Amino acid sequence: MSIATFAETKLDDYDRVFCVFDRDGHANFNAALQRIATSQAGKSGKLKAVVSWPCFEVWVLLHFVYTTQAFTSSGGRSACENVIRALQQHYGAYAKASDRVFDDTAPHLDNAVARAVQLEAHTCGYRGGEARKMTEWEQFEMALVTLEATADQAHDKFQNLSMTDIDRLLSLVPRCTNKLVAMRAALTKAKSARQNSN
């Protein structure tokens, strides 16, 4: 079963479904993107593709270093294997599907986001497009997705959590709440200003 097909089976279980996959060397990559984009759920925003190019490990690498290197297959290794090789120069303990990646990279999240925005600006400039800054909402949404994934992982492995892990998760809640309250206040103020001007 393709990842897009599997994601479609989960639409009734969640408000939104994110279909996360790597570009790497997958033969059906474009077909999966097309299927998601043209589906009713894709058009409504309920089903979203989140693509790593060439693979998720580029995001992990950005936690440690900024790079514009074009990772391709070489030396008998896939593009992703070359990204992992570069990553392990900075994060020697990295292993695919490790449950330690979030904990190990969390202290560097702000750097990773800044480097991702910088990389997007570089890539858009290289392609002749306009660079754009990640919106405040996109930054907030990324934090919420990360928090939710962490909470799910924590729930699955609750018996292995330390008090420090739980405290770190709980420390994210006030920041998220404060952000939502500030956004709501700004929207209320803008709505009131529009009504007063009419």
N, C-alpha and C. Protein backbone atom coordinates (compact mmCIF):
# COMPACT_ATOMS: atom_id res chain seq x y z
N MET A 1 0.85 -1.18 0.00
CA MET A 1 0.00 0.00 0.00
C MET A 1 0.89 1.24 0.00
N SER A 2 0.57 2.22 -0.86
CA SER A 2 1.36 3.44 -0.91
C SER A 2 1.05 4.29 0.32
N ILE A 3 1.95 5.22 0.62
CA ILE A 3 1.76 6.08 1.79
C ILE A 3 0.53 6.96 1.61
N ALA A 4 0.27 7.43 0.38
CA ALA A 4 -0.91 8.26 0.13
C ALA A 4 -2.19 7.45 0.35
N THR A 5 -2.20 6.22 -0.11
CA THR A 5 -3.37 5.35 0.08
C THR A 5 -3.59 5.08 1.56
N PHE A 6 -2.52 4.80 2.28
CA PHE A 6 -2.62 4.55 3.72
C PHE A 6 -3.14 5.79 4.44
N ALA A 7 -2.62 6.97 4.07
CA ALA A 7 -3.06 8.22 4.72
C ALA A 7 -4.56 8.43 4.52
N GLU A 8 -5.06 8.08 3.34
CA GLU A 8 -6.48 8.24 3.06
C GLU A 8 -7.35 7.37 3.97
N THR A 9 -6.82 6.24 4.42
CA THR A 9 -7.59 5.37 5.31
C THR A 9 -7.72 5.96 6.71
N LYS A 10 -6.93 6.98 7.03
CA LYS A 10 -6.93 7.59 8.36
C LYS A 10 -7.73 8.89 8.44
N LEU A 11 -8.32 9.32 7.34
CA LEU A 11 -9.01 10.61 7.29
C LEU A 11 -10.17 10.71 8.27
N ASP A 12 -10.87 9.62 8.53
CA ASP A 12 -12.01 9.67 9.46
C ASP A 12 -11.57 9.69 10.92
N ASP A 13 -10.30 9.36 11.16
CA ASP A 13 -9.82 9.26 12.54
C ASP A 13 -9.26 10.58 13.09
N TYR A 14 -8.95 11.55 12.20
CA TYR A 14 -8.26 12.77 12.63
C TYR A 14 -8.83 14.00 11.92
N ASP A 15 -8.57 15.18 12.51
CA ASP A 15 -8.98 16.43 11.88
C ASP A 15 -8.19 16.69 10.61
N ARG A 16 -6.90 16.39 10.68
CA ARG A 16 -6.01 16.52 9.52
C ARG A 16 -5.05 15.35 9.52
N VAL A 17 -4.64 14.97 8.32
CA VAL A 17 -3.67 13.87 8.18
C VAL A 17 -2.49 14.40 7.38
N PHE A 18 -1.29 14.21 7.93
CA PHE A 18 -0.07 14.62 7.26
C PHE A 18 0.60 13.38 6.69
N CYS A 19 0.86 13.41 5.42
CA CYS A 19 1.50 12.30 4.72
C CYS A 19 2.97 12.69 4.55
N VAL A 20 3.83 12.16 5.39
CA VAL A 20 5.23 12.55 5.44
C VAL A 20 6.07 11.51 4.71
N PHE A 21 6.83 11.97 3.72
CA PHE A 21 7.68 11.03 2.99
C PHE A 21 8.85 11.75 2.35
N ASP A 22 9.88 10.98 2.05
CA ASP A 22 11.12 11.48 1.45
C ASP A 22 11.04 11.44 -0.07
N ARG A 23 11.75 12.36 -0.71
CA ARG A 23 11.89 12.30 -2.16
C ARG A 23 12.81 11.15 -2.53
N ASP A 24 13.98 11.16 -1.95
CA ASP A 24 15.03 10.17 -2.19
C ASP A 24 14.91 9.55 -3.57
N GLY A 25 14.76 8.25 -3.71
CA GLY A 25 14.72 7.63 -5.01
C GLY A 25 13.41 6.95 -5.32
N HIS A 26 12.32 7.43 -4.73
CA HIS A 26 11.04 6.74 -4.87
C HIS A 26 10.42 6.95 -6.25
N ALA A 27 10.09 5.86 -6.90
CA ALA A 27 9.54 5.89 -8.26
C ALA A 27 8.16 6.53 -8.31
N ASN A 28 7.37 6.40 -7.25
CA ASN A 28 5.99 6.90 -7.25
C ASN A 28 5.83 8.25 -6.56
N PHE A 29 6.92 8.96 -6.36
CA PHE A 29 6.91 10.22 -5.64
C PHE A 29 5.93 11.22 -6.26
N ASN A 30 6.06 11.49 -7.56
CA ASN A 30 5.20 12.47 -8.22
C ASN A 30 3.74 12.02 -8.22
N ALA A 31 3.51 10.74 -8.41
CA ALA A 31 2.14 10.22 -8.39
C ALA A 31 1.50 10.41 -7.01
N ALA A 32 2.28 10.22 -5.94
CA ALA A 32 1.76 10.40 -4.58
C ALA A 32 1.40 11.87 -4.34
N LEU A 33 2.28 12.79 -4.76
CA LEU A 33 1.99 14.22 -4.61
C LEU A 33 0.72 14.60 -5.38
N GLN A 34 0.62 14.09 -6.60
CA GLN A 34 -0.55 14.38 -7.44
C GLN A 34 -1.83 13.84 -6.80
N ARG A 35 -1.76 12.63 -6.30
CA ARG A 35 -2.93 12.00 -5.68
C ARG A 35 -3.41 12.82 -4.49
N ILE A 36 -2.47 13.26 -3.65
CA ILE A 36 -2.84 14.05 -2.47
C ILE A 36 -3.41 15.40 -2.90
N ALA A 37 -2.73 16.08 -3.84
CA ALA A 37 -3.15 17.42 -4.27
C ALA A 37 -4.53 17.42 -4.92
N THR A 38 -4.85 16.39 -5.66
CA THR A 38 -6.12 16.36 -6.40
C THR A 38 -7.26 15.69 -5.65
N SER A 39 -6.96 15.07 -4.53
CA SER A 39 -8.02 14.43 -3.75
C SER A 39 -8.90 15.48 -3.09
N GLN A 40 -10.12 15.12 -2.77
CA GLN A 40 -11.04 16.03 -2.07
C GLN A 40 -10.43 16.48 -0.74
N ALA A 41 -9.84 15.53 -0.02
CA ALA A 41 -9.22 15.86 1.27
C ALA A 41 -8.02 16.77 1.08
N GLY A 42 -7.26 16.58 0.01
CA GLY A 42 -6.12 17.44 -0.27
C GLY A 42 -6.55 18.85 -0.60
N LYS A 43 -7.60 18.98 -1.41
CA LYS A 43 -8.11 20.30 -1.80
C LYS A 43 -8.68 21.05 -0.60
N SER A 44 -9.25 20.32 0.35
CA SER A 44 -9.84 20.97 1.53
C SER A 44 -8.81 21.25 2.62
N GLY A 45 -7.60 20.73 2.46
CA GLY A 45 -6.56 20.94 3.48
C GLY A 45 -6.56 19.90 4.57
N LYS A 46 -7.43 18.91 4.47
CA LYS A 46 -7.48 17.86 5.50
C LYS A 46 -6.32 16.87 5.33
N LEU A 47 -5.87 16.68 4.10
CA LEU A 47 -4.75 15.78 3.81
C LEU A 47 -3.63 16.61 3.21
N LYS A 48 -2.46 16.57 3.84
CA LYS A 48 -1.33 17.39 3.39
C LYS A 48 -0.10 16.52 3.19
N ALA A 49 0.63 16.83 2.13
CA ALA A 49 1.92 16.18 1.90
C ALA A 49 3.00 17.00 2.58
N VAL A 50 3.85 16.35 3.32
CA VAL A 50 5.02 16.98 3.93
C VAL A 50 6.22 16.23 3.38
N VAL A 51 6.95 16.90 2.50
CA VAL A 51 7.99 16.22 1.74
C VAL A 51 9.38 16.65 2.20
N SER A 52 10.23 15.70 2.38
CA SER A 52 11.64 15.95 2.67
C SER A 52 12.42 15.70 1.39
N TRP A 53 13.32 16.64 1.06
CA TRP A 53 14.06 16.54 -0.20
C TRP A 53 15.53 16.59 0.08
N PRO A 54 16.34 15.61 -0.10
CA PRO A 54 15.94 14.29 -0.56
C PRO A 54 15.38 13.41 0.56
N CYS A 55 15.63 13.79 1.84
CA CYS A 55 15.13 12.96 2.94
C CYS A 55 15.04 13.76 4.23
N PHE A 56 14.34 13.21 5.20
CA PHE A 56 14.12 13.84 6.50
C PHE A 56 15.42 14.24 7.18
N GLU A 57 16.46 13.49 6.95
CA GLU A 57 17.73 13.75 7.64
C GLU A 57 18.32 15.12 7.34
N VAL A 58 17.89 15.77 6.24
CA VAL A 58 18.34 17.14 5.98
C VAL A 58 17.85 18.05 7.11
N TRP A 59 16.60 17.84 7.55
CA TRP A 59 16.06 18.63 8.66
C TRP A 59 16.89 18.39 9.93
N VAL A 60 17.24 17.16 10.20
CA VAL A 60 18.05 16.86 11.39
C VAL A 60 19.42 17.52 11.25
N LEU A 61 20.02 17.46 10.07
CA LEU A 61 21.33 18.08 9.82
C LEU A 61 21.28 19.58 10.10
N LEU A 62 20.19 20.24 9.72
CA LEU A 62 20.07 21.69 9.94
C LEU A 62 20.07 22.07 11.42
N HIS A 63 19.85 21.13 12.30
CA HIS A 63 19.96 21.40 13.74
C HIS A 63 21.41 21.67 14.13
N PHE A 64 22.34 21.20 13.34
CA PHE A 64 23.76 21.28 13.69
C PHE A 64 24.57 22.19 12.79
N VAL A 65 24.16 22.32 11.53
CA VAL A 65 24.96 23.09 10.58
C VAL A 65 24.07 23.55 9.42
N TYR A 66 24.41 24.72 8.87
CA TYR A 66 23.71 25.18 7.67
C TYR A 66 24.47 24.66 6.46
N THR A 67 23.75 24.17 5.48
CA THR A 67 24.39 23.70 4.26
C THR A 67 23.48 23.94 3.07
N THR A 68 24.10 24.22 1.93
CA THR A 68 23.36 24.32 0.67
C THR A 68 23.80 23.20 -0.26
N GLN A 69 24.50 22.24 0.29
CA GLN A 69 24.99 21.12 -0.52
C GLN A 69 23.83 20.41 -1.21
N ALA A 70 24.00 20.14 -2.49
CA ALA A 70 23.00 19.37 -3.24
C ALA A 70 23.34 17.90 -3.06
N PHE A 71 22.61 17.22 -2.20
CA PHE A 71 22.88 15.82 -1.93
C PHE A 71 22.31 14.96 -3.07
N THR A 72 23.18 14.19 -3.67
CA THR A 72 22.78 13.30 -4.75
C THR A 72 23.38 11.93 -4.49
N SER A 73 22.96 10.95 -5.27
CA SER A 73 23.55 9.62 -5.12
C SER A 73 24.96 9.65 -5.70
N SER A 74 25.87 9.02 -5.00
CA SER A 74 27.27 8.95 -5.44
C SER A 74 27.99 7.89 -4.63
N GLY A 75 29.05 7.37 -5.20
CA GLY A 75 29.87 6.39 -4.48
C GLY A 75 29.09 5.15 -4.08
N GLY A 76 28.09 4.79 -4.86
CA GLY A 76 27.29 3.61 -4.52
C GLY A 76 26.29 3.85 -3.40
N ARG A 77 26.14 5.12 -2.97
CA ARG A 77 25.20 5.47 -1.90
C ARG A 77 24.07 6.31 -2.48
N SER A 78 22.89 6.17 -1.90
CA SER A 78 21.75 7.01 -2.29
C SER A 78 21.97 8.42 -1.78
N ALA A 79 21.16 9.37 -2.26
CA ALA A 79 21.24 10.75 -1.77
C ALA A 79 21.03 10.77 -0.26
N CYS A 80 20.07 10.01 0.21
CA CYS A 80 19.78 9.98 1.64
C CYS A 80 20.96 9.41 2.44
N GLU A 81 21.57 8.37 1.95
CA GLU A 81 22.73 7.80 2.64
C GLU A 81 23.86 8.84 2.73
N ASN A 82 23.98 9.69 1.70
CA ASN A 82 25.00 10.75 1.74
C ASN A 82 24.64 11.83 2.75
N VAL A 83 23.34 12.12 2.90
CA VAL A 83 22.91 13.08 3.92
C VAL A 83 23.23 12.51 5.31
N ILE A 84 22.91 11.25 5.53
CA ILE A 84 23.18 10.61 6.82
C ILE A 84 24.68 10.62 7.12
N ARG A 85 25.47 10.39 6.11
CA ARG A 85 26.93 10.42 6.30
C ARG A 85 27.39 11.81 6.76
N ALA A 86 26.84 12.87 6.13
CA ALA A 86 27.17 14.24 6.54
C ALA A 86 26.64 14.52 7.95
N LEU A 87 25.44 14.06 8.23
CA LEU A 87 24.83 14.26 9.55
C LEU A 87 25.67 13.61 10.64
N GLN A 88 26.15 12.42 10.39
CA GLN A 88 26.91 11.70 11.42
C GLN A 88 28.25 12.36 11.74
N GLN A 89 28.70 13.29 10.91
CA GLN A 89 29.90 14.06 11.25
C GLN A 89 29.62 15.03 12.40
N HIS A 90 28.33 15.39 12.56
CA HIS A 90 27.93 16.33 13.62
C HIS A 90 27.16 15.65 14.74
N TYR A 91 26.53 14.55 14.40
CA TYR A 91 25.65 13.84 15.34
C TYR A 91 25.93 12.35 15.13
N GLY A 92 27.07 11.93 15.70
CA GLY A 92 27.56 10.57 15.49
C GLY A 92 26.62 9.48 15.95
N ALA A 93 25.73 9.79 16.90
CA ALA A 93 24.82 8.78 17.43
C ALA A 93 23.57 8.61 16.57
N TYR A 94 23.45 9.38 15.49
CA TYR A 94 22.22 9.32 14.69
C TYR A 94 22.03 7.93 14.07
N ALA A 95 20.80 7.44 14.18
CA ALA A 95 20.39 6.20 13.51
C ALA A 95 18.95 6.37 13.09
N LYS A 96 18.62 5.91 11.89
CA LYS A 96 17.24 5.99 11.40
C LYS A 96 16.29 5.33 12.41
N ALA A 97 15.14 5.94 12.58
CA ALA A 97 14.07 5.43 13.45
C ALA A 97 14.46 5.39 14.93
N SER A 98 15.50 6.11 15.31
CA SER A 98 15.88 6.16 16.72
C SER A 98 14.86 6.98 17.49
N ASP A 99 14.53 6.55 18.68
CA ASP A 99 13.58 7.31 19.50
C ASP A 99 14.28 8.40 20.31
N ARG A 100 15.57 8.61 20.07
CA ARG A 100 16.33 9.64 20.78
C ARG A 100 16.49 10.92 19.96
N VAL A 101 16.10 10.90 18.69
CA VAL A 101 16.38 12.04 17.81
C VAL A 101 15.77 13.32 18.34
N PHE A 102 14.50 13.29 18.75
CA PHE A 102 13.88 14.53 19.23
C PHE A 102 14.61 15.05 20.46
N ASP A 103 14.84 14.20 21.43
CA ASP A 103 15.52 14.64 22.65
C ASP A 103 16.92 15.20 22.35
N ASP A 104 17.62 14.54 21.44
CA ASP A 104 18.98 14.97 21.12
C ASP A 104 19.03 16.28 20.33
N THR A 105 18.00 16.55 19.54
CA THR A 105 18.02 17.74 18.68
C THR A 105 17.21 18.91 19.23
N ALA A 106 16.32 18.66 20.19
CA ALA A 106 15.44 19.71 20.72
C ALA A 106 16.18 20.99 21.14
N PRO A 107 17.34 20.89 21.78
CA PRO A 107 18.03 22.12 22.18
C PRO A 107 18.47 22.99 20.98
N HIS A 108 18.48 22.41 19.80
CA HIS A 108 18.95 23.12 18.61
C HIS A 108 17.80 23.50 17.67
N LEU A 109 16.55 23.38 18.12
CA LEU A 109 15.39 23.59 17.25
C LEU A 109 15.35 24.99 16.66
N ASP A 110 15.61 26.01 17.47
CA ASP A 110 15.58 27.39 16.95
C ASP A 110 16.59 27.58 15.83
N ASN A 111 17.78 27.00 16.00
CA ASN A 111 18.81 27.08 14.95
C ASN A 111 18.33 26.38 13.69
N ALA A 112 17.70 25.22 13.85
CA ALA A 112 17.23 24.45 12.70
C ALA A 112 16.17 25.23 11.92
N VAL A 113 15.23 25.86 12.63
CA VAL A 113 14.19 26.64 11.96
C VAL A 113 14.82 27.81 11.20
N ALA A 114 15.74 28.52 11.85
CA ALA A 114 16.41 29.65 11.18
C ALA A 114 17.18 29.19 9.95
N ARG A 115 17.86 28.07 10.07
CA ARG A 115 18.62 27.55 8.93
C ARG A 115 17.70 27.05 7.81
N ALA A 116 16.55 26.50 8.18
CA ALA A 116 15.59 26.04 7.16
C ALA A 116 15.04 27.23 6.37
N VAL A 117 14.74 28.32 7.08
CA VAL A 117 14.27 29.53 6.40
C VAL A 117 15.37 30.07 5.49
N GLN A 118 16.60 30.07 5.98
CA GLN A 118 17.74 30.52 5.19
C GLN A 118 17.93 29.63 3.96
N LEU A 119 17.79 28.33 4.14
CA LEU A 119 17.94 27.39 3.02
C LEU A 119 16.82 27.60 1.99
N GLU A 120 15.60 27.83 2.48
CA GLU A 120 14.50 28.09 1.55
C GLU A 120 14.77 29.35 0.75
N ALA A 121 15.26 30.41 1.40
CA ALA A 121 15.58 31.65 0.70
C ALA A 121 16.66 31.40 -0.35
N HIS A 122 17.66 30.63 0.02
CA HIS A 122 18.74 30.29 -0.93
C HIS A 122 18.17 29.50 -2.11
N THR A 123 17.36 28.52 -1.83
CA THR A 123 16.80 27.66 -2.87
C THR A 123 15.88 28.44 -3.79
N CYS A 124 15.03 29.30 -3.22
CA CYS A 124 14.13 30.11 -4.05
C CYS A 124 14.92 31.06 -4.92
N GLY A 125 15.97 31.66 -4.37
CA GLY A 125 16.81 32.55 -5.16
C GLY A 125 17.51 31.82 -6.28
N TYR A 126 17.96 30.62 -6.00
CA TYR A 126 18.64 29.80 -7.02
C TYR A 126 17.68 29.43 -8.14
N ARG A 127 16.44 29.16 -7.79
CA ARG A 127 15.43 28.78 -8.79
C ARG A 127 14.80 29.98 -9.46
N GLY A 128 15.19 31.19 -9.04
CA GLY A 128 14.63 32.39 -9.64
C GLY A 128 13.30 32.80 -9.03
N GLY A 129 12.93 32.20 -7.94
CA GLY A 129 11.67 32.53 -7.28
C GLY A 129 11.90 33.54 -6.18
N GLU A 130 10.82 33.89 -5.53
CA GLU A 130 10.93 34.82 -4.42
C GLU A 130 11.11 34.07 -3.11
N ALA A 131 12.06 34.52 -2.34
CA ALA A 131 12.24 33.93 -1.01
C ALA A 131 11.14 34.46 -0.12
N ARG A 132 10.64 33.64 0.75
CA ARG A 132 9.64 34.11 1.69
C ARG A 132 10.03 33.67 3.08
N LYS A 133 9.67 34.48 4.03
CA LYS A 133 9.92 34.13 5.41
C LYS A 133 8.77 33.26 5.91
N MET A 134 9.09 32.28 6.72
CA MET A 134 8.05 31.44 7.30
C MET A 134 7.13 32.33 8.14
N THR A 135 5.83 32.21 7.92
CA THR A 135 4.90 33.04 8.67
C THR A 135 4.91 32.62 10.13
N GLU A 136 4.43 33.53 10.96
CA GLU A 136 4.35 33.23 12.38
C GLU A 136 3.46 32.01 12.62
N TRP A 137 2.35 31.92 11.83
CA TRP A 137 1.45 30.78 11.98
C TRP A 137 2.16 29.49 11.60
N GLU A 138 2.95 29.50 10.51
CA GLU A 138 3.67 28.30 10.09
C GLU A 138 4.66 27.86 11.17
N GLN A 139 5.34 28.84 11.79
CA GLN A 139 6.26 28.51 12.88
C GLN A 139 5.50 27.89 14.04
N PHE A 140 4.36 28.47 14.37
CA PHE A 140 3.56 27.96 15.47
C PHE A 140 3.02 26.57 15.16
N GLU A 141 2.53 26.40 13.92
CA GLU A 141 2.00 25.10 13.51
C GLU A 141 3.09 24.03 13.57
N MET A 142 4.31 24.40 13.15
CA MET A 142 5.42 23.45 13.22
C MET A 142 5.69 23.04 14.67
N ALA A 143 5.64 24.02 15.56
CA ALA A 143 5.86 23.71 16.99
C ALA A 143 4.77 22.79 17.53
N LEU A 144 3.52 23.04 17.14
CA LEU A 144 2.42 22.20 17.61
C LEU A 144 2.53 20.77 17.08
N VAL A 145 2.90 20.63 15.80
CA VAL A 145 3.06 19.30 15.22
C VAL A 145 4.17 18.56 15.96
N THR A 146 5.26 19.28 16.23
CA THR A 146 6.39 18.67 16.95
C THR A 146 5.96 18.26 18.36
N LEU A 147 5.21 19.15 19.03
CA LEU A 147 4.74 18.84 20.38
C LEU A 147 3.81 17.64 20.37
N GLU A 148 2.89 17.60 19.38
CA GLU A 148 1.95 16.49 19.30
C GLU A 148 2.68 15.18 19.05
N ALA A 149 3.65 15.20 18.15
CA ALA A 149 4.42 13.98 17.86
C ALA A 149 5.17 13.53 19.10
N THR A 150 5.72 14.49 19.82
CA THR A 150 6.46 14.16 21.03
C THR A 150 5.53 13.58 22.09
N ALA A 151 4.35 14.18 22.22
CA ALA A 151 3.38 13.68 23.20
C ALA A 151 2.94 12.26 22.85
N ASP A 152 2.71 12.00 21.54
CA ASP A 152 2.34 10.66 21.12
C ASP A 152 3.44 9.66 21.45
N GLN A 153 4.69 10.07 21.17
CA GLN A 153 5.82 9.20 21.46
C GLN A 153 5.93 8.99 22.97
N ALA A 154 5.71 10.08 23.73
CA ALA A 154 5.80 9.98 25.18
C ALA A 154 4.74 9.03 25.72
N HIS A 155 3.52 9.13 25.17
CA HIS A 155 2.45 8.26 25.62
C HIS A 155 2.80 6.80 25.37
N ASP A 156 3.34 6.51 24.17
CA ASP A 156 3.71 5.14 23.83
C ASP A 156 4.82 4.59 24.71
N LYS A 157 5.68 5.48 25.20
CA LYS A 157 6.84 5.02 25.97
C LYS A 157 6.83 5.62 27.37
N PHE A 158 5.65 5.82 27.91
CA PHE A 158 5.51 6.54 29.17
C PHE A 158 6.39 5.96 30.27
N GLN A 159 6.49 4.66 30.33
CA GLN A 159 7.26 4.05 31.41
C GLN A 159 8.75 4.41 31.33
N ASN A 160 9.21 4.89 30.17
CA ASN A 160 10.63 5.24 30.02
C ASN A 160 10.91 6.73 30.23
N LEU A 161 9.87 7.52 30.46
CA LEU A 161 10.07 8.95 30.60
C LEU A 161 10.63 9.30 31.98
N SER A 162 11.54 10.23 31.96
CA SER A 162 12.06 10.76 33.22
C SER A 162 11.24 11.99 33.60
N MET A 163 11.39 12.45 34.80
CA MET A 163 10.71 13.68 35.22
C MET A 163 11.19 14.84 34.37
N THR A 164 12.44 14.85 33.99
CA THR A 164 12.99 15.91 33.13
C THR A 164 12.28 15.92 31.79
N ASP A 165 12.04 14.74 31.20
CA ASP A 165 11.33 14.65 29.93
C ASP A 165 9.91 15.22 30.06
N ILE A 166 9.22 14.83 31.13
CA ILE A 166 7.86 15.31 31.35
C ILE A 166 7.85 16.81 31.57
N ASP A 167 8.79 17.32 32.36
CA ASP A 167 8.87 18.77 32.60
C ASP A 167 9.14 19.53 31.31
N ARG A 168 9.99 18.97 30.45
CA ARG A 168 10.29 19.63 29.17
C ARG A 168 9.04 19.70 28.31
N LEU A 169 8.26 18.62 28.26
CA LEU A 169 7.01 18.63 27.51
C LEU A 169 6.03 19.65 28.08
N LEU A 170 5.92 19.66 29.40
CA LEU A 170 4.99 20.60 30.04
C LEU A 170 5.42 22.05 29.83
N SER A 171 6.71 22.30 29.71
CA SER A 171 7.18 23.68 29.51
C SER A 171 6.75 24.23 28.16
N LEU A 172 6.46 23.36 27.20
CA LEU A 172 6.02 23.82 25.88
C LEU A 172 4.57 24.30 25.90
N VAL A 173 3.77 23.78 26.83
CA VAL A 173 2.35 24.11 26.85
C VAL A 173 2.10 25.60 27.08
N PRO A 174 2.72 26.23 28.09
CA PRO A 174 2.46 27.66 28.28
C PRO A 174 2.88 28.50 27.07
N ARG A 175 3.99 28.14 26.43
CA ARG A 175 4.42 28.90 25.26
C ARG A 175 3.38 28.80 24.16
N CYS A 176 2.84 27.60 23.93
CA CYS A 176 1.81 27.42 22.90
C CYS A 176 0.55 28.18 23.28
N THR A 177 0.15 28.09 24.55
CA THR A 177 -1.04 28.78 25.01
C THR A 177 -0.87 30.29 24.88
N ASN A 178 0.27 30.82 25.30
CA ASN A 178 0.53 32.26 25.21
C ASN A 178 0.47 32.73 23.76
N LYS A 179 1.00 31.93 22.86
CA LYS A 179 1.00 32.27 21.44
C LYS A 179 -0.44 32.33 20.92
N LEU A 180 -1.25 31.34 21.28
CA LEU A 180 -2.65 31.33 20.84
C LEU A 180 -3.42 32.52 21.40
N VAL A 181 -3.19 32.84 22.67
CA VAL A 181 -3.88 33.98 23.29
C VAL A 181 -3.48 35.27 22.58
N ALA A 182 -2.21 35.43 22.29
CA ALA A 182 -1.74 36.64 21.58
C ALA A 182 -2.33 36.72 20.19
N MET A 183 -2.40 35.58 19.49
CA MET A 183 -2.98 35.58 18.15
C MET A 183 -4.46 35.91 18.20
N ARG A 184 -5.16 35.38 19.20
CA ARG A 184 -6.59 35.67 19.33
C ARG A 184 -6.81 37.15 19.62
N ALA A 185 -5.98 37.74 20.49
CA ALA A 185 -6.10 39.16 20.81
C ALA A 185 -5.85 40.02 19.57
N ALA A 186 -4.85 39.65 18.78
CA ALA A 186 -4.54 40.40 17.56
C ALA A 186 -5.69 40.32 16.56
N LEU A 187 -6.29 39.12 16.42
CA LEU A 187 -7.42 38.96 15.51
C LEU A 187 -8.64 39.75 15.98
N THR A 188 -8.89 39.73 17.28
CA THR A 188 -10.01 40.48 17.85
C THR A 188 -9.82 41.97 17.62
N LYS A 189 -8.60 42.45 17.82
CA LYS A 189 -8.28 43.88 17.63
C LYS A 189 -8.46 44.26 16.16
N ALA A 190 -7.98 43.42 15.25
CA ALA A 190 -8.10 43.70 13.82
C ALA A 190 -9.57 43.71 13.39
N LYS A 191 -10.34 42.76 13.91
CA LYS A 191 -11.78 42.69 13.58
C LYS A 191 -12.50 43.93 14.10
N SER A 192 -12.17 44.36 15.30
CA SER A 192 -12.79 45.54 15.89
C SER A 192 -12.43 46.79 15.08
N ALA A 193 -11.18 46.88 14.64
CA ALA A 193 -10.73 48.03 13.86
C ALA A 193 -11.47 48.07 12.52
N ARG A 194 -11.69 46.91 11.90
CA ARG A 194 -12.42 46.86 10.63
C ARG A 194 -13.87 47.29 10.83
N GLN A 195 -14.48 46.83 11.92
CA GLN A 195 -15.88 47.19 12.20
C GLN A 195 -16.02 48.68 12.47
N ASN A 196 -15.06 49.26 13.18
CA ASN A 196 -15.10 50.70 13.50
C ASN A 196 -14.90 51.56 12.26
N SER A 197 -14.14 51.04 11.29
CA SER A 197 -13.89 51.83 10.08
C SER A 197 -15.06 51.78 9.11
N ASN A 198 -15.95 50.83 9.31
CA ASN A 198 -17.15 50.73 8.43
C ASN A 198 -18.25 51.56 8.92
